[in-house]
Amino acid sequence: MRVLQLAIEFFKAIGRKEKMFDALFNTFTSINWEVIFQLLSVALIIIAGPVVIFVLAFRNGNL
């Protein structure tokens, strides 16, 4: 009887973990990754301009 109870608890735990992984997977799949990468690209381009200016100023205009 004790073995049966342990088996039931084991499979209940597996079921809870599957639900947790399903929720985690659904969270990652529902994120619009294309928009995130587009915003990241725009941010890198915007940051690159001042970086070039600072590099030019630091090296006295000599690239």
C-alpha atoms as a PDB file:
ATOM      1  CA  MET A   1       0.000   0.000   0.000  1.00  0.00           C
ATOM      2  CA  ARG A   2       2.842   2.367   0.857  1.00  0.00           C
ATOM      3  CA  VAL A   3       4.501   1.720  -2.512  1.00  0.00           C
ATOM      4  CA  LEU A   4       1.251   2.572  -4.278  1.00  0.00           C
ATOM      5  CA  GLN A   5       0.995   5.870  -2.361  1.00  0.00           C
ATOM      6  CA  LEU A   6       4.579   6.741  -3.233  1.00  0.00           C
ATOM      7  CA  ALA A   7       3.932   5.962  -6.898  1.00  0.00           C
ATOM      8  CA  ILE A   8       0.832   8.160  -6.887  1.00  0.00           C
ATOM      9  CA  GLU A   9       2.745  11.035  -5.275  1.00  0.00           C
ATOM     10  CA  PHE A  10       5.562  10.576  -7.799  1.00  0.00           C
ATOM     11  CA  PHE A  11       3.215  10.848 -10.764  1.00  0.00           C
ATOM     12  CA  LYS A  12       1.435  13.834  -9.225  1.00  0.00           C
ATOM     13  CA  ALA A  13       4.817  15.568  -8.875  1.00  0.00           C
ATOM     14  CA  ILE A  14       5.625  14.796 -12.498  1.00  0.00           C
ATOM     15  CA  GLY A  15       2.266  16.260 -13.524  1.00  0.00           C
ATOM     16  CA  ARG A  16       2.989  19.468 -11.580  1.00  0.00           C
ATOM     17  CA  LYS A  17       6.405  19.772 -13.203  1.00  0.00           C
ATOM     18  CA  GLU A  18       4.906  19.255 -16.651  1.00  0.00           C
ATOM     19  CA  LYS A  19       2.438  22.056 -15.977  1.00  0.00           C
ATOM     20  CA  MET A  20       5.294  24.271 -14.783  1.00  0.00           C
ATOM     21  CA  PHE A  21       7.346  23.545 -17.915  1.00  0.00           C
ATOM     22  CA  ASP A  22       4.291  24.096 -20.112  1.00  0.00           C
ATOM     23  CA  ALA A  23       3.736  27.497 -18.511  1.00  0.00           C
ATOM     24  CA  LEU A  24       7.411  28.387 -18.929  1.00  0.00           C
ATOM     25  CA  PHE A  25       7.410  27.239 -22.556  1.00  0.00           C
ATOM     26  CA  ASN A  26       4.215  29.166 -23.291  1.00  0.00           C
ATOM     27  CA  THR A  27       5.762  32.288 -21.778  1.00  0.00           C
ATOM     28  CA  PHE A  28       8.806  32.072 -24.031  1.00  0.00           C
ATOM     29  CA  THR A  29       6.788  31.270 -27.136  1.00  0.00           C
ATOM     30  CA  SER A  30       4.348  34.113 -26.529  1.00  0.00           C
ATOM     31  CA  ILE A  31       7.138  36.706 -26.495  1.00  0.00           C
ATOM     32  CA  ASN A  32       7.442  38.527 -29.800  1.00  0.00           C
ATOM     33  CA  TRP A  33      11.160  37.953 -30.333  1.00  0.00           C
ATOM     34  CA  GLU A  34      11.242  39.737 -33.691  1.00  0.00           C
ATOM     35  CA  VAL A  35      10.194  43.029 -32.101  1.00  0.00           C
ATOM     36  CA  ILE A  36      12.734  42.607 -29.305  1.00  0.00           C
ATOM     37  CA  PHE A  37      15.582  42.033 -31.788  1.00  0.00           C
ATOM     38  CA  GLN A  38      14.444  44.959 -33.935  1.00  0.00           C
ATOM     39  CA  LEU A  39      14.460  47.276 -30.907  1.00  0.00           C
ATOM     40  CA  LEU A  40      17.862  45.940 -29.889  1.00  0.00           C
ATOM     41  CA  SER A  41      19.215  46.629 -33.382  1.00  0.00           C
ATOM     42  CA  VAL A  42      17.872  50.186 -33.348  1.00  0.00           C
ATOM     43  CA  ALA A  43      19.376  50.773 -29.906  1.00  0.00           C
ATOM     44  CA  LEU A  44      22.795  49.544 -31.068  1.00  0.00           C
ATOM     45  CA  ILE A  45      22.663  51.800 -34.121  1.00  0.00           C
ATOM     46  CA  ILE A  46      21.684  54.810 -31.988  1.00  0.00           C
ATOM     47  CA  ILE A  47      24.495  54.098 -29.504  1.00  0.00           C
ATOM     48  CA  ALA A  48      27.066  53.637 -32.296  1.00  0.00           C
ATOM     49  CA  GLY A  49      26.873  57.296 -33.388  1.00  0.00           C
ATOM     50  CA  PRO A  50      28.069  58.885 -30.130  1.00  0.00           C
ATOM     51  CA  VAL A  51      30.647  56.120 -29.684  1.00  0.00           C
ATOM     52  CA  VAL A  52      32.243  57.046 -33.011  1.00  0.00           C
ATOM     53  CA  ILE A  53      32.269  60.727 -31.993  1.00  0.00           C
ATOM     54  CA  PHE A  54      33.975  59.919 -28.689  1.00  0.00           C
ATOM     55  CA  VAL A  55      36.545  57.693 -30.406  1.00  0.00           C
ATOM     56  CA  LEU A  56      37.301  60.487 -32.883  1.00  0.00           C
ATOM     57  CA  ALA A  57      37.667  63.014 -30.050  1.00  0.00           C
ATOM     58  CA  PHE A  58      39.880  60.679 -28.024  1.00  0.00           C
ATOM     59  CA  ARG A  59      42.177  59.970 -30.976  1.00  0.00           C
ATOM     60  CA  ASN A  60      42.230  63.634 -32.111  1.00  0.00           C
ATOM     61  CA  GLY A  61      40.221  62.912 -35.259  1.00  0.00           C
ATOM     62  CA  ASN A  62      42.501  60.134 -36.479  1.00  0.00           C
ATOM     63  CA  LEU A  63      40.691  56.861 -37.123  1.00  0.00           C
END
